[in-house]
Amino acid sequence: MVVREVLGKSILSPSKIYPYALNPYVGCQHACSYCYARFMKRFTGHREPWGSFVDVKVNAPELLAREVRRKRPDRVWVSGVCDPYQPLEERYGITRKCLEILAEAGWPLVVQTRSGLVLRDRDVLGRFRDGEVGFSVPTADDGIRRAFEPWAPPIGERIRALGELHGAGIRTYGMIAPLLPGAEGLMDLLAGVVDHVLVDRMNYRGGEGVYRSLGLEECLSEGYARRVGEEIRADCLRLNVACRVLF
C-alpha cells in the first residue's frame, strides 16, 4: 500500500447525489472489484492499481473549517469516492475531525461506509440534528462478499454496526448497491437496524470478471436485477421498512 500525505486546495466538492461531497482520502484500501471511483485515476495521475494507494488529505479539517464559514449550509456526503472509515482513518482521524466541524456548524450529514470503525464516532454522530449513517450491504452471502470485496469488512460486522448506531438513536440506512448475488436474503438481516434502504443494480465496470469466474453471468441481467429488486421491495413492505429502488 502506497500512502502519501498530501495538501488539498479545497474539501467540499459539488456532487450530483448531494449538494456537497467530502472525501478525506483519495483512493480506498477496500479495493472493491466494481468500484466506480476507479475513474479518479484519470484525474489524479496515480499509476498504481486501484486499491493499492491512498492519499491522505492531512489539511482537510483546516480547509473545512474555512469553507463552512464561507459556503451556504447544506447536506454533506461523507464520502463519495472513498470510504471515510477505511483502515487508515484509525491512524489519522481525518474523518472524525471533519465530523466535529460539521456538527459544530450544524450542517446536515450523510455518512456512507462499509466499516465498523464508524462506531468510534458515535459521540460526534449523535450531535447532528439532521444526520444519518449508511452501510453499503450488497449481499447477505459473505462468500459472495469475499469474491467481490475481499478487503472490505464482513457483512455481519456491518449489520452489527448498523444495529449499534440505530440503537443509539442515530438514523441509519442500508445501501443495497450494487445488488449482488445473495441480496435476496438481506431484508431479514436489515430489518430493525435501518430506517430505510436504497437498492441499485450493478452498472459499474470492473466486476464482470468476478461474475464470470463464479459462473454467475445471469445475475448481471436486467431481469435478475428487476426480480430481486421487486423481492426486496416486497420484503420491505412486509417488514415496514421504507424502500427506494433506483432502477
C-alpha atoms as a PDB file:
ATOM      1  CA  MET A   1       0.000   0.000   0.000  1.00  0.00           C
ATOM      2  CA  VAL A   2       1.403   3.359  -1.088  1.00  0.00           C
ATOM      3  CA  VAL A   3       0.341   6.039   1.405  1.00  0.00           C
ATOM      4  CA  ARG A   4       1.047   9.696   0.758  1.00  0.00           C
ATOM      5  CA  GLU A   5       0.232  12.693   2.917  1.00  0.00           C
ATOM      6  CA  VAL A   6      -0.993  15.492   0.657  1.00  0.00           C
ATOM      7  CA  LEU A   7      -2.340  19.022   0.981  1.00  0.00           C
ATOM      8  CA  GLY A   8      -5.676  19.686  -0.676  1.00  0.00           C
ATOM      9  CA  LYS A   9      -6.812  23.009  -2.126  1.00  0.00           C
ATOM     10  CA  SER A  10     -10.472  22.550  -1.150  1.00  0.00           C
ATOM     11  CA  ILE A  11     -12.533  19.871   0.601  1.00  0.00           C
ATOM     12  CA  LEU A  12     -16.259  20.479  -0.082  1.00  0.00           C
ATOM     13  CA  SER A  13     -16.977  19.422  -3.671  1.00  0.00           C
ATOM     14  CA  PRO A  14     -20.232  19.745  -5.633  1.00  0.00           C
ATOM     15  CA  SER A  15     -21.976  16.385  -6.032  1.00  0.00           C
ATOM     16  CA  LYS A  16     -24.710  15.028  -8.280  1.00  0.00           C
ATOM     17  CA  ILE A  17     -26.019  12.965  -5.350  1.00  0.00           C
ATOM     18  CA  TYR A  18     -25.992  15.518  -2.520  1.00  0.00           C
ATOM     19  CA  PRO A  19     -25.156  19.225  -2.510  1.00  0.00           C
ATOM     20  CA  TYR A  20     -21.629  18.568  -1.220  1.00  0.00           C
ATOM     21  CA  ALA A  21     -19.236  15.629  -1.036  1.00  0.00           C
ATOM     22  CA  LEU A  22     -16.342  15.487   1.404  1.00  0.00           C
ATOM     23  CA  ASN A  23     -13.565  12.998   0.644  1.00  0.00           C
ATOM     24  CA  PRO A  24     -10.808  12.893   3.283  1.00  0.00           C
ATOM     25  CA  TYR A  25      -8.823  10.413   1.182  1.00  0.00           C
ATOM     26  CA  VAL A  26      -8.026   9.777  -2.474  1.00  0.00           C
ATOM     27  CA  GLY A  27      -8.104   6.029  -3.057  1.00  0.00           C
ATOM     28  CA  CYS A  28      -9.532   3.279  -0.893  1.00  0.00           C
ATOM     29  CA  GLN A  29      -7.972   0.291   0.823  1.00  0.00           C
ATOM     30  CA  HIS A  30     -11.146  -1.764   0.388  1.00  0.00           C
ATOM     31  CA  ALA A  31     -10.377  -2.105  -3.354  1.00  0.00           C
ATOM     32  CA  CYS A  32     -13.828  -3.419  -4.296  1.00  0.00           C
ATOM     33  CA  SER A  33     -13.748  -5.006  -7.753  1.00  0.00           C
ATOM     34  CA  TYR A  34     -16.658  -2.971  -9.136  1.00  0.00           C
ATOM     35  CA  CYS A  35     -15.861   0.407  -7.549  1.00  0.00           C
ATOM     36  CA  TYR A  36     -16.984   3.313  -9.729  1.00  0.00           C
ATOM     37  CA  ALA A  37     -14.394   5.564  -8.025  1.00  0.00           C
ATOM     38  CA  ARG A  38     -11.654   3.975 -10.127  1.00  0.00           C
ATOM     39  CA  PHE A  39     -12.309   6.815 -12.571  1.00  0.00           C
ATOM     40  CA  MET A  40     -10.423   9.083 -10.138  1.00  0.00           C
ATOM     41  CA  LYS A  41      -7.123   7.815 -11.545  1.00  0.00           C
ATOM     42  CA  ARG A  42      -7.811   9.738 -14.759  1.00  0.00           C
ATOM     43  CA  PHE A  43      -7.552  12.977 -12.790  1.00  0.00           C
ATOM     44  CA  THR A  44      -5.054  12.171 -10.028  1.00  0.00           C
ATOM     45  CA  GLY A  45      -2.247  10.699 -12.147  1.00  0.00           C
ATOM     46  CA  HIS A  46      -1.817   7.597  -9.984  1.00  0.00           C
ATOM     47  CA  ARG A  47      -0.182   4.698 -11.823  1.00  0.00           C
ATOM     48  CA  GLU A  48      -0.701   2.175  -9.036  1.00  0.00           C
ATOM     49  CA  PRO A  49      -3.632  -0.265  -9.320  1.00  0.00           C
ATOM     50  CA  TRP A  50      -6.847   0.873  -7.656  1.00  0.00           C
ATOM     51  CA  GLY A  51      -6.804  -0.239  -4.024  1.00  0.00           C
ATOM     52  CA  SER A  52      -3.017  -0.107  -3.698  1.00  0.00           C
ATOM     53  CA  PHE A  53      -2.686   3.626  -2.988  1.00  0.00           C
ATOM     54  CA  VAL A  54      -4.250   6.183  -0.667  1.00  0.00           C
ATOM     55  CA  ASP A  55      -3.542   9.900  -0.477  1.00  0.00           C
ATOM     56  CA  VAL A  56      -4.365  11.329   2.956  1.00  0.00           C
ATOM     57  CA  LYS A  57      -5.615  14.911   2.856  1.00  0.00           C
ATOM     58  CA  VAL A  58      -3.943  15.923   6.088  1.00  0.00           C
ATOM     59  CA  ASN A  59      -5.180  19.526   5.891  1.00  0.00           C
ATOM     60  CA  ALA A  60      -8.823  18.558   5.295  1.00  0.00           C
ATOM     61  CA  PRO A  61     -10.037  19.763   8.722  1.00  0.00           C
ATOM     62  CA  GLU A  62      -8.366  23.163   8.269  1.00  0.00           C
ATOM     63  CA  LEU A  63      -9.886  23.535   4.806  1.00  0.00           C
ATOM     64  CA  LEU A  64     -13.324  22.538   6.081  1.00  0.00           C
ATOM     65  CA  ALA A  65     -13.211  24.969   8.994  1.00  0.00           C
ATOM     66  CA  ARG A  66     -12.708  27.792   6.492  1.00  0.00           C
ATOM     67  CA  GLU A  67     -15.231  26.564   3.931  1.00  0.00           C
ATOM     68  CA  VAL A  68     -18.151  26.117   6.344  1.00  0.00           C
ATOM     69  CA  ARG A  69     -17.817  29.800   7.181  1.00  0.00           C
ATOM     70  CA  ARG A  70     -17.961  30.838   3.523  1.00  0.00           C
ATOM     71  CA  LYS A  71     -20.478  28.418   1.982  1.00  0.00           C
ATOM     72  CA  ARG A  72     -24.231  28.096   2.362  1.00  0.00           C
ATOM     73  CA  PRO A  73     -25.019  25.233   4.789  1.00  0.00           C
ATOM     74  CA  ASP A  74     -26.364  22.129   3.047  1.00  0.00           C
ATOM     75  CA  ARG A  75     -26.125  18.353   3.220  1.00  0.00           C
ATOM     76  CA  VAL A  76     -22.628  16.838   3.074  1.00  0.00           C
ATOM     77  CA  TRP A  77     -21.941  13.314   1.794  1.00  0.00           C
ATOM     78  CA  VAL A  78     -19.040  11.649   3.615  1.00  0.00           C
ATOM     79  CA  SER A  79     -17.848  10.206   1.303  1.00  0.00           C
ATOM     80  CA  GLY A  80     -18.434   9.921  -2.446  1.00  0.00           C
ATOM     81  CA  VAL A  81     -15.259   8.383  -3.879  1.00  0.00           C
ATOM     82  CA  CYS A  82     -13.586   6.734  -0.876  1.00  0.00           C
ATOM     83  CA  ASP A  83     -14.605   5.013   2.321  1.00  0.00           C
ATOM     84  CA  PRO A  84     -14.228   7.624   5.073  1.00  0.00           C
ATOM     85  CA  TYR A  85     -13.642   4.806   7.569  1.00  0.00           C
ATOM     86  CA  GLN A  86     -11.097   2.757   5.642  1.00  0.00           C
ATOM     87  CA  PRO A  87      -8.337   1.363   7.917  1.00  0.00           C
ATOM     88  CA  LEU A  88      -6.060   4.416   7.632  1.00  0.00           C
ATOM     89  CA  GLU A  89      -8.727   6.524   9.340  1.00  0.00           C
ATOM     90  CA  GLU A  90      -7.907   4.758  12.605  1.00  0.00           C
ATOM     91  CA  ARG A  91      -4.408   6.245  12.421  1.00  0.00           C
ATOM     92  CA  TYR A  92      -5.183   9.682  11.004  1.00  0.00           C
ATOM     93  CA  GLY A  93      -8.635  10.541  12.344  1.00  0.00           C
ATOM     94  CA  ILE A  94      -9.304  12.948   9.472  1.00  0.00           C
ATOM     95  CA  THR A  95     -12.952  11.940   9.131  1.00  0.00           C
ATOM     96  CA  ARG A  96     -13.619  12.392  12.841  1.00  0.00           C
ATOM     97  CA  LYS A  97     -12.100  15.878  12.865  1.00  0.00           C
ATOM     98  CA  CYS A  98     -14.241  16.855   9.869  1.00  0.00           C
ATOM     99  CA  LEU A  99     -17.398  15.497  11.519  1.00  0.00           C
ATOM    100  CA  GLU A 100     -16.682  17.554  14.620  1.00  0.00           C
ATOM    101  CA  ILE A 101     -16.500  20.715  12.500  1.00  0.00           C
ATOM    102  CA  LEU A 102     -19.731  19.919  10.634  1.00  0.00           C
ATOM    103  CA  ALA A 103     -21.551  19.088  13.877  1.00  0.00           C
ATOM    104  CA  GLU A 104     -20.430  22.342  15.485  1.00  0.00           C
ATOM    105  CA  ALA A 105     -21.573  24.280  12.408  1.00  0.00           C
ATOM    106  CA  GLY A 106     -24.948  22.480  12.359  1.00  0.00           C
ATOM    107  CA  TRP A 107     -24.690  21.176   8.776  1.00  0.00           C
ATOM    108  CA  PRO A 108     -26.794  18.181   7.637  1.00  0.00           C
ATOM    109  CA  LEU A 109     -24.816  14.970   7.116  1.00  0.00           C
ATOM    110  CA  VAL A 110     -24.917  11.636   5.291  1.00  0.00           C
ATOM    111  CA  VAL A 111     -22.163   9.113   6.040  1.00  0.00           C
ATOM    112  CA  GLN A 112     -21.633   6.110   3.775  1.00  0.00           C
ATOM    113  CA  THR A 113     -19.203   3.363   4.737  1.00  0.00           C
ATOM    114  CA  ARG A 114     -18.511  -0.368   4.926  1.00  0.00           C
ATOM    115  CA  SER A 115     -16.549  -0.228   8.169  1.00  0.00           C
ATOM    116  CA  GLY A 116     -17.464  -0.719  11.798  1.00  0.00           C
ATOM    117  CA  LEU A 117     -14.800   1.875  12.642  1.00  0.00           C
ATOM    118  CA  VAL A 118     -17.645   4.393  12.368  1.00  0.00           C
ATOM    119  CA  LEU A 119     -18.729   3.233  15.838  1.00  0.00           C
ATOM    120  CA  ARG A 120     -15.730   5.070  17.265  1.00  0.00           C
ATOM    121  CA  ASP A 121     -17.509   8.321  16.374  1.00  0.00           C
ATOM    122  CA  ARG A 122     -20.928   7.621  17.872  1.00  0.00           C
ATOM    123  CA  ASP A 123     -20.481  10.545  20.229  1.00  0.00           C
ATOM    124  CA  VAL A 124     -19.970  13.016  17.377  1.00  0.00           C
ATOM    125  CA  LEU A 125     -22.655  11.491  15.148  1.00  0.00           C
ATOM    126  CA  GLY A 126     -25.147  11.795  17.988  1.00  0.00           C
ATOM    127  CA  ARG A 127     -24.681  15.570  17.956  1.00  0.00           C
ATOM    128  CA  PHE A 128     -26.124  16.025  14.458  1.00  0.00           C
ATOM    129  CA  ARG A 129     -29.697  17.302  14.408  1.00  0.00           C
ATOM    130  CA  ASP A 130     -30.015  16.137  10.790  1.00  0.00           C
ATOM    131  CA  GLY A 131     -27.695  13.254  10.050  1.00  0.00           C
ATOM    132  CA  GLU A 132     -27.681   9.600   9.086  1.00  0.00           C
ATOM    133  CA  VAL A 133     -25.201   6.780   8.617  1.00  0.00           C
ATOM    134  CA  GLY A 134     -25.494   4.196   5.877  1.00  0.00           C
ATOM    135  CA  PHE A 135     -23.651   0.977   5.166  1.00  0.00           C
ATOM    136  CA  SER A 136     -23.115  -0.500   1.749  1.00  0.00           C
ATOM    137  CA  VAL A 137     -24.516  -4.033   2.149  1.00  0.00           C
ATOM    138  CA  PRO A 138     -24.779  -5.529  -1.364  1.00  0.00           C
ATOM    139  CA  THR A 139     -25.341  -9.182  -0.392  1.00  0.00           C
ATOM    140  CA  ALA A 140     -26.277 -11.395   2.547  1.00  0.00           C
ATOM    141  CA  ASP A 141     -23.753 -14.025   1.429  1.00  0.00           C
ATOM    142  CA  ASP A 142     -20.296 -13.411   2.888  1.00  0.00           C
ATOM    143  CA  GLY A 143     -18.768 -15.781   0.355  1.00  0.00           C
ATOM    144  CA  ILE A 144     -20.031 -13.517  -2.415  1.00  0.00           C
ATOM    145  CA  ARG A 145     -18.727 -10.529  -0.456  1.00  0.00           C
ATOM    146  CA  ARG A 146     -15.253 -12.103  -0.313  1.00  0.00           C
ATOM    147  CA  ALA A 147     -15.286 -12.632  -4.078  1.00  0.00           C
ATOM    148  CA  PHE A 148     -16.238  -9.030  -4.927  1.00  0.00           C
ATOM    149  CA  GLU A 149     -14.933  -7.138  -1.879  1.00  0.00           C
ATOM    150  CA  PRO A 150     -12.089  -9.249  -0.452  1.00  0.00           C
ATOM    151  CA  TRP A 151     -10.578  -6.417   1.620  1.00  0.00           C
ATOM    152  CA  ALA A 152     -13.830  -4.964   2.955  1.00  0.00           C
ATOM    153  CA  PRO A 153     -15.314  -5.895   6.361  1.00  0.00           C
ATOM    154  CA  PRO A 154     -17.629  -8.928   6.620  1.00  0.00           C
ATOM    155  CA  ILE A 155     -21.367  -8.483   6.180  1.00  0.00           C
ATOM    156  CA  GLY A 156     -22.037  -9.496   9.775  1.00  0.00           C
ATOM    157  CA  GLU A 157     -19.794  -6.714  11.057  1.00  0.00           C
ATOM    158  CA  ARG A 158     -21.728  -4.176   9.013  1.00  0.00           C
ATOM    159  CA  ILE A 159     -25.097  -5.407  10.290  1.00  0.00           C
ATOM    160  CA  ARG A 160     -23.888  -5.296  13.909  1.00  0.00           C
ATOM    161  CA  ALA A 161     -22.581  -1.754  13.455  1.00  0.00           C
ATOM    162  CA  LEU A 162     -25.891  -0.623  11.975  1.00  0.00           C
ATOM    163  CA  GLY A 163     -27.663  -2.153  14.954  1.00  0.00           C
ATOM    164  CA  GLU A 164     -25.463  -0.317  17.456  1.00  0.00           C
ATOM    165  CA  LEU A 165     -25.899   3.012  15.689  1.00  0.00           C
ATOM    166  CA  HIS A 166     -29.642   2.525  15.327  1.00  0.00           C
ATOM    167  CA  GLY A 167     -29.898   1.554  18.977  1.00  0.00           C
ATOM    168  CA  ALA A 168     -28.066   4.745  19.917  1.00  0.00           C
ATOM    169  CA  GLY A 169     -30.777   6.800  18.216  1.00  0.00           C
ATOM    170  CA  ILE A 170     -28.778   7.599  15.066  1.00  0.00           C
ATOM    171  CA  ARG A 171     -30.732   7.389  11.817  1.00  0.00           C
ATOM    172  CA  THR A 172     -29.392   4.552   9.625  1.00  0.00           C
ATOM    173  CA  TYR A 173     -29.874   3.159   6.148  1.00  0.00           C
ATOM    174  CA  GLY A 174     -28.754   0.223   4.042  1.00  0.00           C
ATOM    175  CA  MET A 175     -27.325   0.777   0.568  1.00  0.00           C
ATOM    176  CA  ILE A 176     -28.006  -2.432  -1.369  1.00  0.00           C
ATOM    177  CA  ALA A 177     -25.787  -1.359  -4.233  1.00  0.00           C
ATOM    178  CA  PRO A 178     -24.580  -2.808  -6.384  1.00  0.00           C
ATOM    179  CA  LEU A 179     -27.171  -5.520  -5.958  1.00  0.00           C
ATOM    180  CA  LEU A 180     -25.019  -8.678  -5.846  1.00  0.00           C
ATOM    181  CA  PRO A 181     -25.989 -12.355  -5.865  1.00  0.00           C
ATOM    182  CA  GLY A 182     -27.272 -13.275  -2.414  1.00  0.00           C
ATOM    183  CA  ALA A 183     -29.082  -9.975  -1.888  1.00  0.00           C
ATOM    184  CA  GLU A 184     -32.367 -11.888  -1.744  1.00  0.00           C
ATOM    185  CA  GLY A 185     -31.945 -12.546   1.990  1.00  0.00           C
ATOM    186  CA  LEU A 186     -30.843  -9.101   3.066  1.00  0.00           C
ATOM    187  CA  MET A 187     -34.012  -7.592   4.467  1.00  0.00           C
ATOM    188  CA  ASP A 188     -34.348 -10.218   7.169  1.00  0.00           C
ATOM    189  CA  LEU A 189     -30.901  -9.071   8.356  1.00  0.00           C
ATOM    190  CA  LEU A 190     -31.527  -5.330   7.959  1.00  0.00           C
ATOM    191  CA  ALA A 191     -34.999  -5.168   9.478  1.00  0.00           C
ATOM    192  CA  GLY A 192     -34.818  -3.465  12.844  1.00  0.00           C
ATOM    193  CA  VAL A 193     -31.394  -1.895  12.266  1.00  0.00           C
ATOM    194  CA  VAL A 194     -32.155   0.551   9.421  1.00  0.00           C
ATOM    195  CA  ASP A 195     -34.711   3.284   8.860  1.00  0.00           C
ATOM    196  CA  HIS A 196     -34.709   2.828   5.089  1.00  0.00           C
ATOM    197  CA  VAL A 197     -32.910   1.100   2.232  1.00  0.00           C
ATOM    198  CA  LEU A 198     -31.758   2.118  -1.234  1.00  0.00           C
ATOM    199  CA  VAL A 199     -31.399  -0.511  -3.964  1.00  0.00           C
ATOM    200  CA  ASP A 200     -29.430  -0.155  -7.199  1.00  0.00           C
ATOM    201  CA  ARG A 201     -28.226  -2.667  -9.770  1.00  0.00           C
ATOM    202  CA  MET A 202     -24.697  -3.471 -10.903  1.00  0.00           C
ATOM    203  CA  ASN A 203     -23.855  -0.878 -13.506  1.00  0.00           C
ATOM    204  CA  TYR A 204     -20.181  -0.306 -12.815  1.00  0.00           C
ATOM    205  CA  ARG A 205     -17.324  -1.632 -14.903  1.00  0.00           C
ATOM    206  CA  GLY A 206     -14.817  -3.846 -13.145  1.00  0.00           C
ATOM    207  CA  GLY A 207     -16.921  -6.568 -11.540  1.00  0.00           C
ATOM    208  CA  GLU A 208     -17.908  -8.521 -14.644  1.00  0.00           C
ATOM    209  CA  GLY A 209     -14.868 -10.797 -14.449  1.00  0.00           C
ATOM    210  CA  VAL A 210     -15.842 -11.895 -10.939  1.00  0.00           C
ATOM    211  CA  TYR A 211     -19.302 -12.884 -12.165  1.00  0.00           C
ATOM    212  CA  ARG A 212     -17.734 -14.944 -14.963  1.00  0.00           C
ATOM    213  CA  SER A 213     -15.271 -16.641 -12.606  1.00  0.00           C
ATOM    214  CA  LEU A 214     -18.174 -17.719 -10.378  1.00  0.00           C
ATOM    215  CA  GLY A 215     -20.430 -18.766 -13.271  1.00  0.00           C
ATOM    216  CA  LEU A 216     -22.983 -16.124 -12.299  1.00  0.00           C
ATOM    217  CA  GLU A 217     -23.287 -14.178 -15.552  1.00  0.00           C
ATOM    218  CA  GLU A 218     -27.083 -14.420 -15.415  1.00  0.00           C
ATOM    219  CA  CYS A 219     -27.014 -12.247 -12.307  1.00  0.00           C
ATOM    220  CA  LEU A 220     -25.777  -9.352 -14.461  1.00  0.00           C
ATOM    221  CA  SER A 221     -29.006  -9.327 -16.437  1.00  0.00           C
ATOM    222  CA  GLU A 222     -31.706  -6.701 -16.250  1.00  0.00           C
ATOM    223  CA  GLY A 223     -34.209  -9.441 -15.481  1.00  0.00           C
ATOM    224  CA  TYR A 224     -32.277 -10.658 -12.428  1.00  0.00           C
ATOM    225  CA  ALA A 225     -31.922  -7.126 -11.051  1.00  0.00           C
ATOM    226  CA  ARG A 226     -35.605  -6.356 -11.501  1.00  0.00           C
ATOM    227  CA  ARG A 227     -36.723  -9.648  -9.964  1.00  0.00           C
ATOM    228  CA  VAL A 228     -34.560  -9.269  -6.863  1.00  0.00           C
ATOM    229  CA  GLY A 229     -35.352  -5.569  -6.609  1.00  0.00           C
ATOM    230  CA  GLU A 230     -39.051  -6.409  -6.501  1.00  0.00           C
ATOM    231  CA  GLU A 231     -38.415  -9.124  -3.893  1.00  0.00           C
ATOM    232  CA  ILE A 232     -36.603  -6.608  -1.697  1.00  0.00           C
ATOM    233  CA  ARG A 233     -39.406  -4.083  -2.195  1.00  0.00           C
ATOM    234  CA  ALA A 234     -41.965  -6.705  -1.125  1.00  0.00           C
ATOM    235  CA  ASP A 235     -39.857  -7.683   1.900  1.00  0.00           C
ATOM    236  CA  CYS A 236     -39.616  -4.029   2.907  1.00  0.00           C
ATOM    237  CA  LEU A 237     -43.390  -3.686   2.710  1.00  0.00           C
ATOM    238  CA  ARG A 238     -43.788  -6.794   4.853  1.00  0.00           C
ATOM    239  CA  LEU A 239     -41.241  -5.570   7.397  1.00  0.00           C
ATOM    240  CA  ASN A 240     -42.402  -1.931   7.378  1.00  0.00           C
ATOM    241  CA  VAL A 241     -39.060  -0.569   6.133  1.00  0.00           C
ATOM    242  CA  ALA A 242     -39.011   2.383   3.725  1.00  0.00           C
ATOM    243  CA  CYS A 243     -37.501   1.357   0.401  1.00  0.00           C
ATOM    244  CA  ARG A 244     -36.383   3.110  -2.766  1.00  0.00           C
ATOM    245  CA  VAL A 245     -35.376   1.054  -5.809  1.00  0.00           C
ATOM    246  CA  LEU A 246     -33.272   3.184  -8.164  1.00  0.00           C
ATOM    247  CA  PHE A 247     -33.855   1.278 -11.426  1.00  0.00           C
END
